């Protein structure tokens, strides 16, 4: 798989009975198909938990949500200390540009989720914003905040 602009980690890889590459997902506690997007998602999980202090127990992968009568799934959602949405992450494969369409998808999901922080990444390019729903504004952040900083940014 492609080298990403995220710290490497010890990925546990195997193959399915039909020779599909699989990666161990420690949050879901099972092997999942190793697609380019899953490669990015697993790197982000390990980065948030291993480098930025996000508690693994507060990370949720592919959590379901309903939007416009349709069932959708978020790629990754980090929850705050009391279980409220904190950081919504939209992962794309490395060859997918992080463009206006990806931003629209993430902000559409976030209208339902209500996370004060939003991260868009393809593993090579990362964009992080603080969302102020009351003022209807977004503030671009210079970096992905560590857990304690994210909780402080989210406010009361």
Protein backbone atom coordinates (compact mmCIF):
# COMPACT_ATOMS: atom_id res chain seq x y z
CA UNK A 1 0.00 0.00 0.00
CA UNK A 2 0.97 3.61 -0.51
CA UNK A 3 3.10 5.49 2.03
CA UNK A 4 0.97 8.23 3.61
CA UNK A 5 1.66 11.56 5.29
CA UNK A 6 0.79 9.99 8.65
CA UNK A 7 3.06 8.08 11.03
CA UNK A 8 3.46 4.42 10.06
CA UNK A 9 2.12 1.72 12.37
CA UNK A 10 2.44 -2.04 12.70
CA UNK A 11 -0.43 -3.12 10.44
CA UNK A 12 -1.62 -6.70 10.85
CA UNK A 13 -2.25 -7.89 7.31
CA UNK A 14 -3.58 -11.21 6.05
CA UNK A 15 -5.64 -12.57 3.17
CA UNK A 16 -9.16 -13.90 2.93
CA UNK A 17 -9.99 -17.35 1.56
CA UNK A 18 -10.56 -15.63 -1.80
CA UNK A 19 -7.14 -13.90 -1.65
CA UNK A 20 -8.51 -10.47 -0.77
CA UNK A 21 -6.05 -8.48 1.34
CA UNK A 22 -7.34 -7.88 4.87
CA UNK A 23 -6.22 -5.60 7.70
CA UNK A 24 -6.95 -6.06 11.39
CA UNK A 25 -9.24 -3.32 12.70
CA UNK A 26 -8.67 -3.07 16.44
CA UNK A 27 -11.74 -0.90 16.99
CA UNK A 28 -14.16 -3.22 15.23
CA UNK A 29 -12.13 -6.23 16.44
CA UNK A 30 -12.14 -8.00 13.10
CA UNK A 31 -10.31 -8.21 9.80
CA UNK A 32 -11.70 -5.89 7.12
CA UNK A 33 -10.99 -5.67 3.41
CA UNK A 34 -7.89 -3.57 2.80
CA UNK A 35 -9.00 -0.93 0.31
CA UNK A 36 -7.01 2.29 -0.24
CA UNK A 37 -9.63 4.17 1.81
CA UNK A 38 -9.39 1.62 4.65
CA UNK A 39 -5.60 2.04 4.62
CA UNK A 40 -6.12 5.77 5.22
CA UNK A 41 -8.80 5.16 7.87
CA UNK A 42 -6.56 2.78 9.84
CA UNK A 43 -3.67 5.25 9.71
CA UNK A 44 -5.92 8.03 11.01
CA UNK A 45 -7.19 5.84 13.87
CA UNK A 46 -3.62 4.97 14.90
CA UNK A 47 -2.52 8.61 14.59
CA UNK A 48 -5.39 9.95 16.69
CA UNK A 49 -5.03 7.29 19.39
CA UNK A 50 -1.27 6.77 19.38
CA UNK A 51 0.01 10.30 18.77
CA UNK A 52 -2.75 12.76 19.66
CA UNK A 53 -4.18 11.11 22.78
CA UNK A 54 -7.70 10.31 21.58
CA UNK A 55 -9.01 7.46 23.76
CA UNK A 56 -9.63 4.37 21.63
CA UNK A 57 -12.89 3.80 23.51
CA UNK A 58 -14.16 7.15 22.21
CA UNK A 59 -13.48 6.38 18.53
CA UNK A 60 -16.32 4.98 16.42
CA UNK A 61 -15.83 3.63 12.89
CA UNK A 62 -18.53 3.68 10.23
CA UNK A 63 -21.24 4.83 12.58
CA UNK A 64 -24.65 4.93 10.93
CA UNK A 65 -26.70 8.08 10.46
CA UNK A 66 -29.84 9.02 8.57
CA UNK A 67 -29.81 11.95 6.16
CA UNK A 68 -32.67 12.82 3.77
CA UNK A 69 -34.35 9.45 4.40
CA UNK A 70 -31.12 7.63 3.46
CA UNK A 71 -28.86 5.54 5.62
CA UNK A 72 -25.26 6.82 5.54
CA UNK A 73 -22.09 6.00 7.49
CA UNK A 74 -19.43 8.28 8.88
CA UNK A 75 -15.85 7.08 8.31
CA UNK A 76 -14.68 7.89 11.82
CA UNK A 77 -16.15 9.81 14.71
CA UNK A 78 -14.21 10.81 17.83
CA UNK A 79 -16.38 11.46 20.84
CA UNK A 80 -15.70 13.86 23.68
CA UNK A 81 -15.33 12.89 27.36
CA UNK A 82 -19.10 12.81 27.91
CA UNK A 83 -19.85 10.93 24.67
CA UNK A 84 -20.84 13.92 22.54
CA UNK A 85 -19.54 14.15 18.94
CA UNK A 86 -16.16 15.90 18.90
CA UNK A 87 -14.34 15.23 15.61
CA UNK A 88 -15.95 13.92 12.42
CA UNK A 89 -13.39 12.43 10.03
CA UNK A 90 -14.02 11.84 6.33
CA UNK A 91 -11.39 9.56 4.76
CA UNK A 92 -10.78 9.15 1.07
CA UNK A 93 -8.33 7.00 -0.86
CA UNK A 94 -4.98 8.67 -1.57
CA UNK A 95 -5.83 9.15 -5.26
CA UNK A 96 -9.07 11.02 -4.42
CA UNK A 97 -8.64 14.79 -4.23
CA UNK A 98 -9.97 16.58 -1.17
CA UNK A 99 -12.16 19.02 -3.06
CA UNK A 100 -15.44 20.89 -2.70
CA UNK A 101 -17.49 17.71 -3.28
CA UNK A 102 -15.72 15.92 -0.41
CA UNK A 103 -16.20 18.98 1.81
CA UNK A 104 -19.91 19.07 0.93
CA UNK A 105 -20.27 15.38 1.77
CA UNK A 106 -18.61 15.83 5.16
CA UNK A 107 -20.52 18.99 6.05
CA UNK A 108 -23.78 17.33 5.02
CA UNK A 109 -23.06 14.41 7.37
CA UNK A 110 -22.03 16.86 10.07
CA UNK A 111 -25.38 18.64 9.91
CA UNK A 112 -26.79 15.44 11.43
CA UNK A 113 -23.80 14.52 13.66
CA UNK A 114 -23.08 18.01 15.03
CA UNK A 115 -19.33 17.62 15.65
CA UNK A 116 -17.54 20.92 16.37
CA UNK A 117 -14.40 19.69 14.56
CA UNK A 118 -14.19 18.30 11.04
CA UNK A 119 -11.23 16.52 9.40
CA UNK A 120 -10.99 15.67 5.70
CA UNK A 121 -8.05 13.51 4.61
CA UNK A 122 -6.82 11.26 1.85
CA UNK A 123 -3.76 10.34 3.90
CA UNK A 124 -1.61 12.76 1.92
CA UNK A 125 -3.53 16.01 2.41
CA UNK A 126 -5.38 16.88 5.63
CA UNK A 127 -7.82 19.73 6.24
CA UNK A 128 -9.22 20.38 9.69
CA UNK A 129 -11.88 22.93 10.65
CA UNK A 130 -13.62 24.15 13.76
CA UNK A 131 -17.33 24.50 13.09
CA UNK A 132 -19.41 27.09 14.93
CA UNK A 133 -23.00 26.03 14.33
CA UNK A 134 -24.50 29.03 16.17
CA UNK A 135 -22.53 31.60 14.14
CA UNK A 136 -22.67 29.41 11.00
CA UNK A 137 -18.91 29.81 10.45
CA UNK A 138 -15.91 27.55 9.91
CA UNK A 139 -12.37 28.26 11.05
CA UNK A 140 -9.54 26.39 9.31
CA UNK A 141 -7.05 24.94 11.80
CA UNK A 142 -3.32 24.70 11.12
CA UNK A 143 -3.13 21.16 12.45
CA UNK A 144 -5.21 18.29 13.72
CA UNK A 145 -5.65 19.06 17.42
CA UNK A 146 -4.64 16.65 20.15
CA UNK A 147 -7.55 15.29 22.20
CA UNK A 148 -7.19 17.78 25.08
CA UNK A 149 -6.95 20.69 22.65
CA UNK A 150 -9.95 19.40 20.67
CA UNK A 151 -12.03 19.23 23.84
CA UNK A 152 -11.00 22.81 24.69
CA UNK A 153 -11.79 24.01 21.13
CA UNK A 154 -15.21 22.37 21.28
CA UNK A 155 -16.08 24.53 24.27
CA UNK A 156 -18.70 23.85 26.93
